[in-house]
Protein backbone atom coordinates (compact mmCIF):
# COMPACT_ATOMS: atom_id res chain seq x y z
CA PRO A 1 104.88 106.45 85.45
CA LEU A 2 105.47 110.17 85.20
CA ILE A 3 104.09 111.00 88.66
CA GLU A 4 106.62 108.62 90.24
CA LYS A 5 109.44 110.22 88.26
CA VAL A 6 108.31 113.71 89.32
CA ILE A 7 108.57 112.72 92.99
CA LEU A 8 111.95 111.04 92.52
CA LYS A 9 113.32 113.99 90.54
CA PHE A 10 112.26 116.37 93.30
CA ILE A 11 113.94 114.12 95.89
CA LEU A 12 117.12 114.01 93.80
CA HIS A 13 117.26 117.79 93.64
CA ASN A 14 116.13 118.40 97.22
CA HIS A 15 116.77 115.41 99.51
CA SER A 16 115.36 117.27 102.50
CA VAL A 17 111.88 116.33 101.22
CA VAL A 18 112.45 112.60 101.84
CA PRO A 19 110.86 112.71 105.34
CA LEU A 20 107.81 114.48 103.84
CA VAL A 21 107.49 111.85 101.11
CA LYS A 22 108.00 109.08 103.66
CA LYS A 23 105.26 110.59 105.85
CA ASN A 24 102.73 110.66 102.98
CA LEU A 25 103.58 107.65 100.85
CA ILE A 26 104.64 104.06 101.24
CA GLU A 27 107.02 102.15 99.01
CA GLU A 28 104.13 100.15 97.55
CA ASP A 29 102.62 103.38 96.16
CA PHE A 30 105.36 103.23 93.53
CA THR A 31 104.36 100.71 90.88
CA TYR A 32 107.41 100.80 88.63
CA PRO A 33 109.93 98.33 90.11
CA LEU A 34 112.98 100.62 89.75
CA ALA A 35 111.06 103.57 91.18
CA ARG A 36 110.02 101.43 94.16
CA LYS A 37 113.57 100.18 94.65
CA THR A 38 114.94 103.74 94.46
CA VAL A 39 112.42 105.21 96.88
CA SER A 40 113.01 102.28 99.22
CA PHE A 41 116.72 103.10 99.18
CA PHE A 42 116.05 106.76 99.99
CA PHE A 43 113.53 105.90 102.71
CA SER A 44 116.07 103.64 104.40
CA GLN A 45 119.12 105.88 103.96
CA VAL A 46 117.96 109.47 104.32
CA GLU A 47 116.92 110.78 107.70
CA PRO A 48 116.47 114.44 108.70
CA GLN A 49 119.69 114.28 110.71
CA THR A 50 121.75 112.63 107.93
CA GLN A 51 125.28 114.05 107.92
CA LEU A 52 126.36 112.21 104.78
CA SER A 53 126.13 114.46 101.74
CA PHE A 54 123.49 113.48 99.25
CA SER A 55 126.06 113.24 96.44
CA ALA A 56 128.08 110.80 98.57
CA LEU A 57 124.89 108.84 99.22
CA LEU A 58 124.18 108.64 95.49
CA GLY A 59 127.79 107.62 94.91
CA SER A 60 127.34 104.75 97.34
CA ILE A 61 124.70 103.09 95.14
CA GLU A 62 126.23 99.89 93.82
CA ASP A 63 123.20 98.73 91.86
CA LYS A 64 124.00 99.74 88.26
CA GLU A 65 120.38 99.46 87.14
CA MET A 66 119.18 101.81 89.90
CA SER A 67 122.10 104.16 89.30
CA GLY A 68 121.23 104.33 85.59
CA PHE A 69 117.57 104.92 86.44
CA ILE A 70 118.49 107.82 88.73
CA SER A 71 120.72 109.32 86.04
CA SER A 72 117.93 109.06 83.47
CA ILE A 73 115.55 110.91 85.80
CA LEU A 74 118.08 113.66 86.46
CA LEU A 75 118.72 114.12 82.73
CA ASP A 76 115.09 113.82 81.59
CA GLU A 77 113.91 117.27 80.55
CA ASP A 78 110.35 116.03 80.02
CA THR A 79 109.86 115.24 83.71
CA PRO A 80 108.63 118.41 85.40
CA PHE A 81 110.64 119.79 88.28
CA ASP A 82 108.56 122.18 90.29
CA LYS A 83 106.93 122.26 93.69
CA GLU A 84 103.34 122.15 92.41
CA ALA A 85 103.99 119.11 90.21
CA PHE A 86 105.69 117.44 93.19
CA LYS A 87 102.79 118.12 95.56
CA GLY A 88 100.23 117.08 92.93
CA SER A 89 102.10 113.82 92.31
CA ILE A 90 102.12 112.95 96.01
CA LEU A 91 98.38 113.61 96.19
CA LYS A 92 97.72 111.46 93.11
CA LEU A 93 99.62 108.50 94.57
CA LYS A 94 97.81 108.88 97.90
CA GLU A 95 94.44 109.00 96.12
CA LYS A 96 95.35 105.93 94.06
CA ARG A 97 96.17 104.01 97.27
CA ALA A 98 92.91 105.19 98.87
CA ARG A 99 90.89 104.00 95.84
CA GLY A 100 92.62 100.62 95.99
CA SER A 101 91.92 100.32 99.71
CA LYS A 102 88.29 101.27 99.16
CA ILE A 103 87.89 98.55 96.51
CA LYS A 104 89.47 95.93 98.79
CA LEU A 105 87.22 97.02 101.65
CA LYS A 106 84.11 96.78 99.46
CA ASP A 107 85.13 93.25 98.44
CA ALA A 108 85.68 92.30 102.09
CA ILE A 109 82.23 93.73 102.97
CA LYS A 110 80.59 91.65 100.23
CA GLU A 111 82.42 88.55 101.46
CA ALA A 112 81.31 89.16 105.06
CA GLU A 113 77.72 89.66 103.86
CA ASN A 114 77.83 86.42 101.88
CA LYS A 115 79.19 84.52 104.89
CA GLY A 116 76.69 86.14 107.26
CA ASP A 117 79.49 87.35 109.55
CA LYS A 118 77.68 90.27 111.21
CA GLU A 119 80.53 91.25 113.56
CA LYS A 120 83.06 91.44 110.77
CA LEU A 121 80.53 93.23 108.55
CA LYS A 122 79.91 95.88 111.20
CA LEU A 123 83.66 96.43 111.66
CA LEU A 124 84.28 96.66 107.91
CA VAL A 125 81.37 99.05 107.33
CA ASN A 126 82.71 101.33 110.07
CA GLN A 127 86.18 101.24 108.49
CA PHE A 128 84.61 102.05 105.13
CA CYS A 129 82.66 104.97 106.55
CA ASN A 130 85.70 106.33 108.39
CA GLY A 131 87.65 106.24 105.15
CA ILE A 132 84.94 108.09 103.24
CA ASN A 133 84.33 111.05 105.50
CA GLY A 134 87.07 110.83 108.12
CA ARG A 135 84.58 110.57 110.96
CA GLY A 136 83.28 107.78 113.09
CA GLY A 137 80.59 106.46 110.79
CA CYS A 138 78.60 107.10 107.64
CA ARG A 139 76.25 110.01 107.45
CA HIS A 140 72.60 109.17 107.06
CA ASP A 141 71.32 112.34 105.38
C-alpha cells in the first residue's frame, strides 16, 4: 500500500524519524509482508543513539528480497516524499488500527452480552468508551 511506502521512503531518506514512527505505529500496522519485515528491521536496528551510518546499516541487509524492496521504494518516483504525506500516512495507519480495535471490542462486547458476563461486559464497555472519547467513560448527553 502507498501509505506504507510513503512512511518507508521517508525513513530511508531521514532515518532520524524511526523513533517517531516506532512511537506511533507498531509493526502489525504494516500489512504488506515486505513493508512489515523492513519496518521491523528498522525498529530493531535504529535507535536515537545509533553510531552506525544509515548507509552502512542498509548495506548490512542480507535479505535480497528486502534489499530489492528498499531499492524499489527509493527509486519509485510515484511515491510522495514530503513531510505532510509522511505525517498523513502515520495518521491513516493509526486510524486503521483504531478502527480494527473498535470492531474487535464491539464483537467482544456482544459475546459478553450473549454469555451474560456482566463483569466482563462492564470492563469492555469502559474500554470502548475510553477509546471513543479518551476519557473515563461514555458521555450520556
